[in-house]
Amino acid sequence: MTSEFGAGLGTVVAAIAELTGCPFTKCSAKPVSGGSIHRAWHIADDRRHFFVKTNEVAAAPMFEAEARGLQALAAAGVVRTPTFITQGQTPSQSFLVLEYLDLAALDRTSGAQLGTALAQLHRVTGDSFGWTGDNFIGATPQHNAPHPSWPHFFAECRLRPQLQFALQNGMDRTLVAKGHAVAERIGGLFIDYQPVASLLHGDLWSGNAAQSGDSEGVIFDPACYYGDRETDIAMAELFGGFPTSFHAAYRAAWPLDSGYETRKPLYNLYHILNHFNLFGSAYLGQAQRMIERLLAELKR
């Protein structure tokens, strides 16, 4: 096995066999493309298939957070996710093992099914905004200290940390200050709207959704917390890629508030700031336009 996979992955395969209590026979591993943070593999033998992510030992908290999110989504019982199998570490790597699903892009039918399922997921609610522990949005730490006020939570646990990272990553101080002014005045966007604390996927772009081989919508790579359901919808619209049937089915199941379009730039500013912090200045102009638009709205 070591000669076939290399010492690192061979050790991971052995650890999976030990943790699941079922040794592999004639095991093969094929790299899976698509991720930008972890390495991914389709590991299989004559009986079983697994989707495995690997990274450095220091990445173990990311895998632990992802496992908790997947388990929470699965426990809701309304939307399909890859089943969590196990996660662990070897002396040189951390790894996460999930059910292997043969995935394809969402089509009209599976998109509609997923839109309806997402509305059902959002009806699963918590007592406060936040989560039981911190997790990650991409590779960025995401703070989830629970709070009864959604505007306070979003300002303090979402916008301000990203703005601080942005300052450290070279964003102009004046623009960062304007971003903090948005956070300071955020309550002005919630005068007539009080969201419930919905269970969220948290990172719902089209790369984290697909259809399974039996044409059922699937979501994965979550950054779960309890928050305004509009944040998931805004993220789904930010980069596109979801079929129109997804959006139509969601709105048919649970119509959005009339002020959604005004709040959408606020929610997507969080992700654009995160992209600036992860990938650089290509997202600077978009962040600036969002901040200026929000300030103009909040000064009315």
C-alpha atoms as a PDB file:
ATOM      1  CA  MET A   1       0.000   0.000   0.000  1.00  0.00           C
ATOM      2  CA  THR A   2       2.800   2.409   0.869  1.00  0.00           C
ATOM      3  CA  SER A   3       4.418   2.056  -2.542  1.00  0.00           C
ATOM      4  CA  GLU A   4       1.093   2.560  -4.323  1.00  0.00           C
ATOM      5  CA  PHE A   5      -0.122   5.644  -2.428  1.00  0.00           C
ATOM      6  CA  GLY A   6       2.993   7.160  -0.982  1.00  0.00           C
ATOM      7  CA  ALA A   7       3.860   6.951   2.700  1.00  0.00           C
ATOM      8  CA  GLY A   8       1.492   9.742   3.808  1.00  0.00           C
ATOM      9  CA  LEU A   9      -1.700   8.532   2.177  1.00  0.00           C
ATOM     10  CA  GLY A  10      -0.887   4.916   2.892  1.00  0.00           C
ATOM     11  CA  THR A  11      -0.815   5.746   6.593  1.00  0.00           C
ATOM     12  CA  VAL A  12      -4.166   7.520   6.269  1.00  0.00           C
ATOM     13  CA  VAL A  13      -5.696   4.483   4.563  1.00  0.00           C
ATOM     14  CA  ALA A  14      -4.414   2.246   7.350  1.00  0.00           C
ATOM     15  CA  ALA A  15      -5.872   4.617   9.946  1.00  0.00           C
ATOM     16  CA  ILE A  16      -9.267   4.569   8.221  1.00  0.00           C
ATOM     17  CA  ALA A  17      -9.264   0.786   8.258  1.00  0.00           C
ATOM     18  CA  GLU A  18      -8.447   0.778  11.960  1.00  0.00           C
ATOM     19  CA  LEU A  19     -11.060   3.439  12.859  1.00  0.00           C
ATOM     20  CA  THR A  20     -13.830   1.790  10.840  1.00  0.00           C
ATOM     21  CA  GLY A  21     -12.852  -1.697  11.973  1.00  0.00           C
ATOM     22  CA  CYS A  22     -12.845  -2.997   8.427  1.00  0.00           C
ATOM     23  CA  PRO A  23      -9.540  -3.474   6.541  1.00  0.00           C
ATOM     24  CA  PHE A  24      -9.341  -2.585   2.872  1.00  0.00           C
ATOM     25  CA  THR A  25      -8.767  -5.203   0.194  1.00  0.00           C
ATOM     26  CA  LYS A  26      -7.225  -4.294  -3.158  1.00  0.00           C
ATOM     27  CA  CYS A  27      -7.506  -0.633  -2.205  1.00  0.00           C
ATOM     28  CA  SER A  28      -7.142   2.142  -4.781  1.00  0.00           C
ATOM     29  CA  ALA A  29      -7.004   5.915  -4.350  1.00  0.00           C
ATOM     30  CA  LYS A  30      -7.693   8.523  -7.015  1.00  0.00           C
ATOM     31  CA  PRO A  31      -7.220  12.262  -6.496  1.00  0.00           C
ATOM     32  CA  VAL A  32     -10.387  14.367  -6.743  1.00  0.00           C
ATOM     33  CA  SER A  33     -10.105  17.909  -8.069  1.00  0.00           C
ATOM     34  CA  GLY A  34     -12.111  20.966  -7.105  1.00  0.00           C
ATOM     35  CA  GLY A  35     -10.937  22.022  -3.641  1.00  0.00           C
ATOM     36  CA  SER A  36      -8.485  24.867  -2.940  1.00  0.00           C
ATOM     37  CA  ILE A  37      -7.693  24.150   0.715  1.00  0.00           C
ATOM     38  CA  HIS A  38      -7.419  20.371   1.209  1.00  0.00           C
ATOM     39  CA  ARG A  39      -6.335  17.442  -0.915  1.00  0.00           C
ATOM     40  CA  ALA A  40      -9.187  15.100  -1.785  1.00  0.00           C
ATOM     41  CA  TRP A  41      -9.306  11.430  -2.702  1.00  0.00           C
ATOM     42  CA  HIS A  42     -11.729   8.751  -3.794  1.00  0.00           C
ATOM     43  CA  ILE A  43     -10.586   5.686  -1.866  1.00  0.00           C
ATOM     44  CA  ALA A  44     -12.216   2.360  -2.666  1.00  0.00           C
ATOM     45  CA  ASP A  45     -11.888  -1.388  -2.624  1.00  0.00           C
ATOM     46  CA  ASP A  46     -14.159  -4.142  -3.914  1.00  0.00           C
ATOM     47  CA  ARG A  47     -16.813  -3.347  -1.300  1.00  0.00           C
ATOM     48  CA  ARG A  48     -16.634   0.265  -0.177  1.00  0.00           C
ATOM     49  CA  HIS A  49     -16.110   3.811  -1.445  1.00  0.00           C
ATOM     50  CA  PHE A  50     -15.010   6.782   0.646  1.00  0.00           C
ATOM     51  CA  PHE A  51     -14.381  10.459  -0.010  1.00  0.00           C
ATOM     52  CA  VAL A  52     -11.306  11.490   1.958  1.00  0.00           C
ATOM     53  CA  LYS A  53      -9.804  14.909   2.604  1.00  0.00           C
ATOM     54  CA  THR A  54      -6.237  15.243   3.850  1.00  0.00           C
ATOM     55  CA  ASN A  55      -4.120  18.146   5.038  1.00  0.00           C
ATOM     56  CA  GLU A  56      -1.393  19.009   7.499  1.00  0.00           C
ATOM     57  CA  VAL A  57      -1.863  18.081  11.162  1.00  0.00           C
ATOM     58  CA  ALA A  58      -2.592  21.745  11.937  1.00  0.00           C
ATOM     59  CA  ALA A  59      -5.746  21.539   9.785  1.00  0.00           C
ATOM     60  CA  ALA A  60      -7.429  19.046  12.135  1.00  0.00           C
ATOM     61  CA  PRO A  61      -9.706  21.729  13.696  1.00  0.00           C
ATOM     62  CA  MET A  62     -11.079  22.483  10.232  1.00  0.00           C
ATOM     63  CA  PHE A  63     -12.027  18.836   9.733  1.00  0.00           C
ATOM     64  CA  GLU A  64     -13.543  18.659  13.216  1.00  0.00           C
ATOM     65  CA  ALA A  65     -15.694  21.736  12.502  1.00  0.00           C
ATOM     66  CA  GLU A  66     -16.777  20.377   9.129  1.00  0.00           C
ATOM     67  CA  ALA A  67     -17.779  17.080  10.722  1.00  0.00           C
ATOM     68  CA  ARG A  68     -19.893  18.885  13.338  1.00  0.00           C
ATOM     69  CA  GLY A  69     -21.609  20.901  10.632  1.00  0.00           C
ATOM     70  CA  LEU A  70     -22.379  17.879   8.477  1.00  0.00           C
ATOM     71  CA  GLN A  71     -23.768  16.021  11.469  1.00  0.00           C
ATOM     72  CA  ALA A  72     -26.013  18.963  12.374  1.00  0.00           C
ATOM     73  CA  LEU A  73     -27.351  19.219   8.829  1.00  0.00           C
ATOM     74  CA  ALA A  74     -27.955  15.473   8.687  1.00  0.00           C
ATOM     75  CA  ALA A  75     -29.735  15.517  12.055  1.00  0.00           C
ATOM     76  CA  ALA A  76     -32.230  18.046  10.691  1.00  0.00           C
ATOM     77  CA  GLY A  77     -33.425  15.278   8.374  1.00  0.00           C
ATOM     78  CA  VAL A  78     -34.550  17.522   5.529  1.00  0.00           C
ATOM     79  CA  VAL A  79     -31.571  17.884   3.182  1.00  0.00           C
ATOM     80  CA  ARG A  80     -29.027  15.344   1.980  1.00  0.00           C
ATOM     81  CA  THR A  81     -25.375  15.615   2.911  1.00  0.00           C
ATOM     82  CA  PRO A  82     -22.478  13.151   2.622  1.00  0.00           C
ATOM     83  CA  THR A  83     -22.563  10.928   5.686  1.00  0.00           C
ATOM     84  CA  PHE A  84     -19.725  11.560   8.116  1.00  0.00           C
ATOM     85  CA  ILE A  85     -17.661   8.387   8.667  1.00  0.00           C
ATOM     86  CA  THR A  86     -14.695   9.411  10.804  1.00  0.00           C
ATOM     87  CA  GLN A  87     -11.847  11.891  11.130  1.00  0.00           C
ATOM     88  CA  GLY A  88      -8.453  11.665  12.720  1.00  0.00           C
ATOM     89  CA  GLN A  89      -4.722  12.193  12.466  1.00  0.00           C
ATOM     90  CA  THR A  90      -1.554  10.354  11.605  1.00  0.00           C
ATOM     91  CA  PRO A  91       1.867  11.624  12.732  1.00  0.00           C
ATOM     92  CA  SER A  92       2.074  13.708   9.544  1.00  0.00           C
ATOM     93  CA  GLN A  93      -1.508  14.415   8.404  1.00  0.00           C
ATOM     94  CA  SER A  94      -5.065  15.052   9.475  1.00  0.00           C
ATOM     95  CA  PHE A  95      -7.957  13.569   7.530  1.00  0.00           C
ATOM     96  CA  LEU A  96     -11.734  13.522   7.180  1.00  0.00           C
ATOM     97  CA  VAL A  97     -13.644  10.525   5.806  1.00  0.00           C
ATOM     98  CA  LEU A  98     -17.101  10.909   4.278  1.00  0.00           C
ATOM     99  CA  GLU A  99     -19.536   8.838   2.276  1.00  0.00           C
ATOM    100  CA  TYR A 100     -18.534   8.894  -1.386  1.00  0.00           C
ATOM    101  CA  LEU A 101     -21.271  10.245  -3.645  1.00  0.00           C
ATOM    102  CA  ASP A 102     -21.195  10.301  -7.423  1.00  0.00           C
ATOM    103  CA  LEU A 103     -22.041  13.982  -7.883  1.00  0.00           C
ATOM    104  CA  ALA A 104     -23.094  16.053 -10.893  1.00  0.00           C
ATOM    105  CA  ALA A 105     -24.212  19.640 -11.418  1.00  0.00           C
ATOM    106  CA  LEU A 106     -27.704  20.522 -10.264  1.00  0.00           C
ATOM    107  CA  ASP A 107     -30.329  20.406 -12.999  1.00  0.00           C
ATOM    108  CA  ARG A 108     -33.829  21.858 -13.053  1.00  0.00           C
ATOM    109  CA  THR A 109     -35.417  19.013 -11.095  1.00  0.00           C
ATOM    110  CA  SER A 110     -32.730  18.549  -8.437  1.00  0.00           C
ATOM    111  CA  GLY A 111     -32.374  22.322  -8.114  1.00  0.00           C
ATOM    112  CA  ALA A 112     -36.052  22.674  -7.284  1.00  0.00           C
ATOM    113  CA  GLN A 113     -35.871  19.790  -4.820  1.00  0.00           C
ATOM    114  CA  LEU A 114     -32.877  21.389  -3.091  1.00  0.00           C
ATOM    115  CA  GLY A 115     -34.571  24.784  -2.925  1.00  0.00           C
ATOM    116  CA  THR A 116     -37.551  23.261  -1.136  1.00  0.00           C
ATOM    117  CA  ALA A 117     -35.273  21.283   1.187  1.00  0.00           C
ATOM    118  CA  LEU A 118     -33.264  24.407   2.066  1.00  0.00           C
ATOM    119  CA  ALA A 119     -36.438  26.224   3.092  1.00  0.00           C
ATOM    120  CA  GLN A 120     -37.228  23.277   5.366  1.00  0.00           C
ATOM    121  CA  LEU A 121     -33.712  23.405   6.817  1.00  0.00           C
ATOM    122  CA  HIS A 122     -34.132  27.094   7.604  1.00  0.00           C
ATOM    123  CA  ARG A 123     -37.248  26.292   9.643  1.00  0.00           C
ATOM    124  CA  VAL A 124     -34.968  24.446  12.070  1.00  0.00           C
ATOM    125  CA  THR A 125     -34.233  27.183  14.598  1.00  0.00           C
ATOM    126  CA  GLY A 126     -32.092  27.850  17.643  1.00  0.00           C
ATOM    127  CA  ASP A 127     -32.487  29.945  20.776  1.00  0.00           C
ATOM    128  CA  SER A 128     -29.811  32.462  19.783  1.00  0.00           C
ATOM    129  CA  PHE A 129     -27.643  33.510  16.850  1.00  0.00           C
ATOM    130  CA  GLY A 130     -24.300  31.732  16.589  1.00  0.00           C
ATOM    131  CA  TRP A 131     -23.107  28.183  17.149  1.00  0.00           C
ATOM    132  CA  THR A 132     -21.828  25.834  19.797  1.00  0.00           C
ATOM    133  CA  GLY A 133     -18.237  26.546  18.771  1.00  0.00           C
ATOM    134  CA  ASP A 134     -16.172  28.504  16.297  1.00  0.00           C
ATOM    135  CA  ASN A 135     -15.581  27.083  12.829  1.00  0.00           C
ATOM    136  CA  PHE A 136     -14.195  28.243   9.480  1.00  0.00           C
ATOM    137  CA  ILE A 137     -15.355  30.055   6.369  1.00  0.00           C
ATOM    138  CA  GLY A 138     -12.981  28.647   3.799  1.00  0.00           C
ATOM    139  CA  ALA A 139      -9.658  28.735   5.645  1.00  0.00           C
ATOM    140  CA  THR A 140     -10.619  31.777   7.741  1.00  0.00           C
ATOM    141  CA  PRO A 141     -11.652  31.357  11.388  1.00  0.00           C
ATOM    142  CA  GLN A 142     -15.343  32.144  11.888  1.00  0.00           C
ATOM    143  CA  HIS A 143     -16.421  33.322  15.337  1.00  0.00           C
ATOM    144  CA  ASN A 144     -19.773  32.065  16.588  1.00  0.00           C
ATOM    145  CA  ALA A 145     -20.223  33.335  20.160  1.00  0.00           C
ATOM    146  CA  PRO A 146     -24.027  33.140  20.674  1.00  0.00           C
ATOM    147  CA  HIS A 147     -25.960  36.392  21.019  1.00  0.00           C
ATOM    148  CA  PRO A 148     -29.675  37.201  21.184  1.00  0.00           C
ATOM    149  CA  SER A 149     -29.369  40.112  18.723  1.00  0.00           C
ATOM    150  CA  TRP A 150     -28.792  39.289  15.067  1.00  0.00           C
ATOM    151  CA  PRO A 151     -27.481  42.758  14.065  1.00  0.00           C
ATOM    152  CA  HIS A 152     -25.019  42.649  16.971  1.00  0.00           C
ATOM    153  CA  PHE A 153     -23.916  39.117  16.095  1.00  0.00           C
ATOM    154  CA  PHE A 154     -23.388  39.921  12.417  1.00  0.00           C
ATOM    155  CA  ALA A 155     -21.494  43.126  13.143  1.00  0.00           C
ATOM    156  CA  GLU A 156     -19.223  41.676  15.830  1.00  0.00           C
ATOM    157  CA  CYS A 157     -18.746  38.071  14.686  1.00  0.00           C
ATOM    158  CA  ARG A 158     -18.844  38.544  10.928  1.00  0.00           C
ATOM    159  CA  LEU A 159     -17.987  42.020   9.644  1.00  0.00           C
ATOM    160  CA  ARG A 160     -15.495  43.336  12.199  1.00  0.00           C
ATOM    161  CA  PRO A 161     -13.178  40.286  12.192  1.00  0.00           C
ATOM    162  CA  GLN A 162     -13.020  40.322   8.386  1.00  0.00           C
ATOM    163  CA  LEU A 163     -12.337  44.060   8.378  1.00  0.00           C
ATOM    164  CA  GLN A 164      -9.497  43.549  10.845  1.00  0.00           C
ATOM    165  CA  PHE A 165      -8.033  40.815   8.643  1.00  0.00           C
ATOM    166  CA  ALA A 166      -8.445  43.117   5.620  1.00  0.00           C
ATOM    167  CA  LEU A 167      -6.475  45.883   7.333  1.00  0.00           C
ATOM    168  CA  GLN A 168      -3.684  43.415   8.075  1.00  0.00           C
ATOM    169  CA  ASN A 169      -3.795  42.291   4.435  1.00  0.00           C
ATOM    170  CA  GLY A 170      -3.302  45.769   3.020  1.00  0.00           C
ATOM    171  CA  MET A 171      -6.779  47.243   2.601  1.00  0.00           C
ATOM    172  CA  ASP A 172      -6.777  51.047   2.775  1.00  0.00           C
ATOM    173  CA  ARG A 173      -7.453  52.309   6.309  1.00  0.00           C
ATOM    174  CA  THR A 174     -10.110  54.726   5.087  1.00  0.00           C
ATOM    175  CA  LEU A 175     -12.094  51.936   3.442  1.00  0.00           C
ATOM    176  CA  VAL A 176     -11.728  49.737   6.517  1.00  0.00           C
ATOM    177  CA  ALA A 177     -13.032  52.613   8.639  1.00  0.00           C
ATOM    178  CA  LYS A 178     -16.047  52.898   6.346  1.00  0.00           C
ATOM    179  CA  GLY A 179     -16.619  49.182   6.796  1.00  0.00           C
ATOM    180  CA  HIS A 180     -16.623  49.633  10.558  1.00  0.00           C
ATOM    181  CA  ALA A 181     -19.109  52.480  10.108  1.00  0.00           C
ATOM    182  CA  VAL A 182     -21.415  49.993   8.359  1.00  0.00           C
ATOM    183  CA  ALA A 183     -21.035  47.628  11.312  1.00  0.00           C
ATOM    184  CA  GLU A 184     -21.783  50.468  13.733  1.00  0.00           C
ATOM    185  CA  ARG A 185     -25.000  51.438  11.941  1.00  0.00           C
ATOM    186  CA  ILE A 186     -26.142  47.974  10.941  1.00  0.00           C
ATOM    187  CA  GLY A 187     -29.272  48.161  13.071  1.00  0.00           C
ATOM    188  CA  GLY A 188     -30.774  50.566  10.553  1.00  0.00           C
ATOM    189  CA  LEU A 189     -31.320  47.657   8.174  1.00  0.00           C
ATOM    190  CA  PHE A 190     -33.412  45.758  10.727  1.00  0.00           C
ATOM    191  CA  ILE A 191     -35.942  48.311  11.932  1.00  0.00           C
ATOM    192  CA  ASP A 192     -38.873  46.466  10.372  1.00  0.00           C
ATOM    193  CA  TYR A 193     -37.339  43.010  10.101  1.00  0.00           C
ATOM    194  CA  GLN A 194     -36.508  40.576  12.890  1.00  0.00           C
ATOM    195  CA  PRO A 195     -35.114  37.298  11.550  1.00  0.00           C
ATOM    196  CA  VAL A 196     -35.368  34.004  13.361  1.00  0.00           C
ATOM    197  CA  ALA A 197     -32.231  32.013  14.167  1.00  0.00           C
ATOM    198  CA  SER A 198     -32.336  29.501  11.296  1.00  0.00           C
ATOM    199  CA  LEU A 199     -29.915  26.621  10.874  1.00  0.00           C
ATOM    200  CA  LEU A 200     -27.682  27.717   7.992  1.00  0.00           C
ATOM    201  CA  HIS A 201     -25.295  25.962   5.643  1.00  0.00           C
ATOM    202  CA  GLY A 202     -23.179  29.097   5.967  1.00  0.00           C
ATOM    203  CA  ASP A 203     -21.125  28.870   2.748  1.00  0.00           C
ATOM    204  CA  LEU A 204     -23.761  28.125   0.151  1.00  0.00           C
ATOM    205  CA  TRP A 205     -22.128  28.860  -3.188  1.00  0.00           C
ATOM    206  CA  SER A 206     -22.742  26.582  -6.157  1.00  0.00           C
ATOM    207  CA  GLY A 207     -19.466  24.705  -5.627  1.00  0.00           C
ATOM    208  CA  ASN A 208     -20.865  23.357  -2.368  1.00  0.00           C
ATOM    209  CA  ALA A 209     -24.071  21.939  -3.872  1.00  0.00           C
ATOM    210  CA  ALA A 210     -24.715  19.213  -6.431  1.00  0.00           C
ATOM    211  CA  GLN A 211     -26.989  16.328  -7.254  1.00  0.00           C
ATOM    212  CA  SER A 212     -26.343  12.710  -6.387  1.00  0.00           C
ATOM    213  CA  GLY A 213     -26.554   9.780  -8.753  1.00  0.00           C
ATOM    214  CA  ASP A 214     -30.230   9.407  -7.883  1.00  0.00           C
ATOM    215  CA  SER A 215     -30.870  13.091  -8.759  1.00  0.00           C
ATOM    216  CA  GLU A 216     -31.280  14.300  -5.176  1.00  0.00           C
ATOM    217  CA  GLY A 217     -29.884  17.676  -4.191  1.00  0.00           C
ATOM    218  CA  VAL A 218     -26.840  17.490  -1.901  1.00  0.00           C
ATOM    219  CA  ILE A 219     -25.011  20.163   0.100  1.00  0.00           C
ATOM    220  CA  PHE A 220     -21.544  19.816   1.634  1.00  0.00           C
ATOM    221  CA  ASP A 221     -18.531  21.790   2.949  1.00  0.00           C
ATOM    222  CA  PRO A 222     -20.698  23.681   5.472  1.00  0.00           C
ATOM    223  CA  ALA A 223     -19.813  26.565   7.787  1.00  0.00           C
ATOM    224  CA  CYS A 224     -22.897  26.091   9.955  1.00  0.00           C
ATOM    225  CA  TYR A 225     -24.397  28.456  12.498  1.00  0.00           C
ATOM    226  CA  TYR A 226     -27.809  29.836  13.427  1.00  0.00           C
ATOM    227  CA  GLY A 227     -28.552  33.083  11.627  1.00  0.00           C
ATOM    228  CA  ASP A 228     -30.792  34.957   9.224  1.00  0.00           C
ATOM    229  CA  ARG A 229     -31.837  32.617   6.417  1.00  0.00           C
ATOM    230  CA  GLU A 230     -31.292  35.460   3.952  1.00  0.00           C
ATOM    231  CA  THR A 231     -27.532  34.976   4.308  1.00  0.00           C
ATOM    232  CA  ASP A 232     -27.681  31.551   2.635  1.00  0.00           C
ATOM    233  CA  ILE A 233     -29.831  32.917  -0.193  1.00  0.00           C
ATOM    234  CA  ALA A 234     -27.584  35.947  -0.689  1.00  0.00           C
ATOM    235  CA  MET A 235     -24.506  33.716  -0.912  1.00  0.00           C
ATOM    236  CA  ALA A 236     -26.272  31.444  -3.405  1.00  0.00           C
ATOM    237  CA  GLU A 237     -26.897  34.491  -5.595  1.00  0.00           C
ATOM    238  CA  LEU A 238     -23.444  36.077  -5.186  1.00  0.00           C
ATOM    239  CA  PHE A 239     -21.506  34.004  -7.705  1.00  0.00           C
ATOM    240  CA  GLY A 240     -24.438  32.377  -9.516  1.00  0.00           C
ATOM    241  CA  GLY A 241     -24.428  28.772 -10.663  1.00  0.00           C
ATOM    242  CA  PHE A 242     -27.697  27.611  -9.111  1.00  0.00           C
ATOM    243  CA  PRO A 243     -30.539  26.819 -11.537  1.00  0.00           C
ATOM    244  CA  THR A 244     -33.460  29.252 -11.513  1.00  0.00           C
ATOM    245  CA  SER A 245     -35.622  26.380 -10.279  1.00  0.00           C
ATOM    246  CA  PHE A 246     -33.673  26.402  -6.993  1.00  0.00           C
ATOM    247  CA  HIS A 247     -34.497  30.033  -6.266  1.00  0.00           C
ATOM    248  CA  ALA A 248     -38.098  29.711  -7.411  1.00  0.00           C
ATOM    249  CA  ALA A 249     -38.734  26.624  -5.283  1.00  0.00           C
ATOM    250  CA  TYR A 250     -37.219  28.224  -2.191  1.00  0.00           C
ATOM    251  CA  ARG A 251     -39.375  31.321  -2.529  1.00  0.00           C
ATOM    252  CA  ALA A 252     -42.456  29.225  -3.175  1.00  0.00           C
ATOM    253  CA  ALA A 253     -41.802  27.287   0.032  1.00  0.00           C
ATOM    254  CA  TRP A 254     -40.909  30.362   2.120  1.00  0.00           C
ATOM    255  CA  PRO A 255     -41.148  33.811   0.488  1.00  0.00           C
ATOM    256  CA  LEU A 256     -38.425  36.316   1.327  1.00  0.00           C
ATOM    257  CA  ASP A 257     -39.056  39.563   3.173  1.00  0.00           C
ATOM    258  CA  SER A 258     -39.532  42.662   1.004  1.00  0.00           C
ATOM    259  CA  GLY A 259     -36.333  44.206   2.386  1.00  0.00           C
ATOM    260  CA  TYR A 260     -34.109  41.320   1.301  1.00  0.00           C
ATOM    261  CA  GLU A 261     -32.553  43.141  -1.661  1.00  0.00           C
ATOM    262  CA  THR A 262     -31.476  45.989   0.638  1.00  0.00           C
ATOM    263  CA  ARG A 263     -29.782  43.594   3.074  1.00  0.00           C
ATOM    264  CA  LYS A 264     -28.225  41.327   0.446  1.00  0.00           C
ATOM    265  CA  PRO A 265     -25.103  43.507  -0.056  1.00  0.00           C
ATOM    266  CA  LEU A 266     -24.511  43.430   3.707  1.00  0.00           C
ATOM    267  CA  TYR A 267     -24.521  39.655   3.813  1.00  0.00           C
ATOM    268  CA  ASN A 268     -22.381  39.273   0.721  1.00  0.00           C
ATOM    269  CA  LEU A 269     -19.891  41.885   1.929  1.00  0.00           C
ATOM    270  CA  TYR A 270     -18.808  39.302   4.504  1.00  0.00           C
ATOM    271  CA  HIS A 271     -17.932  36.804   1.787  1.00  0.00           C
ATOM    272  CA  ILE A 272     -16.281  39.367  -0.482  1.00  0.00           C
ATOM    273  CA  LEU A 273     -14.108  40.569   2.404  1.00  0.00           C
ATOM    274  CA  ASN A 274     -13.218  36.950   3.091  1.00  0.00           C
ATOM    275  CA  HIS A 275     -12.279  36.453  -0.555  1.00  0.00           C
ATOM    276  CA  PHE A 276     -10.118  39.579  -0.380  1.00  0.00           C
ATOM    277  CA  ASN A 277      -8.394  38.153   2.681  1.00  0.00           C
ATOM    278  CA  LEU A 278      -7.913  34.727   1.115  1.00  0.00           C
ATOM    279  CA  PHE A 279      -7.242  35.558  -2.539  1.00  0.00           C
ATOM    280  CA  GLY A 280      -6.147  39.183  -2.732  1.00  0.00           C
ATOM    281  CA  SER A 281      -6.908  42.503  -4.368  1.00  0.00           C
ATOM    282  CA  ALA A 282      -9.144  41.189  -7.181  1.00  0.00           C
ATOM    283  CA  TYR A 283     -12.031  41.570  -4.723  1.00  0.00           C
ATOM    284  CA  LEU A 284     -11.104  45.064  -3.496  1.00  0.00           C
ATOM    285  CA  GLY A 285     -13.286  46.986  -5.943  1.00  0.00           C
ATOM    286  CA  GLN A 286     -16.329  44.839  -5.218  1.00  0.00           C
ATOM    287  CA  ALA A 287     -15.837  45.289  -1.469  1.00  0.00           C
ATOM    288  CA  GLN A 288     -15.558  49.042  -1.892  1.00  0.00           C
ATOM    289  CA  ARG A 289     -18.749  49.269  -3.964  1.00  0.00           C
ATOM    290  CA  MET A 290     -20.674  47.229  -1.397  1.00  0.00           C
ATOM    291  CA  ILE A 291     -19.448  49.343   1.516  1.00  0.00           C
ATOM    292  CA  GLU A 292     -20.307  52.600  -0.259  1.00  0.00           C
ATOM    293  CA  ARG A 293     -23.756  51.309  -1.212  1.00  0.00           C
ATOM    294  CA  LEU A 294     -24.486  50.222   2.347  1.00  0.00           C
ATOM    295  CA  LEU A 295     -23.327  53.522   3.817  1.00  0.00           C
ATOM    296  CA  ALA A 296     -25.545  55.409   1.407  1.00  0.00           C
ATOM    297  CA  GLU A 297     -28.505  53.245   2.416  1.00  0.00           C
ATOM    298  CA  LEU A 298     -27.811  53.679   6.123  1.00  0.00           C
ATOM    299  CA  LYS A 299     -27.568  57.497   5.835  1.00  0.00           C
ATOM    300  CA  ARG A 300     -31.115  57.800   4.468  1.00  0.00           C
END
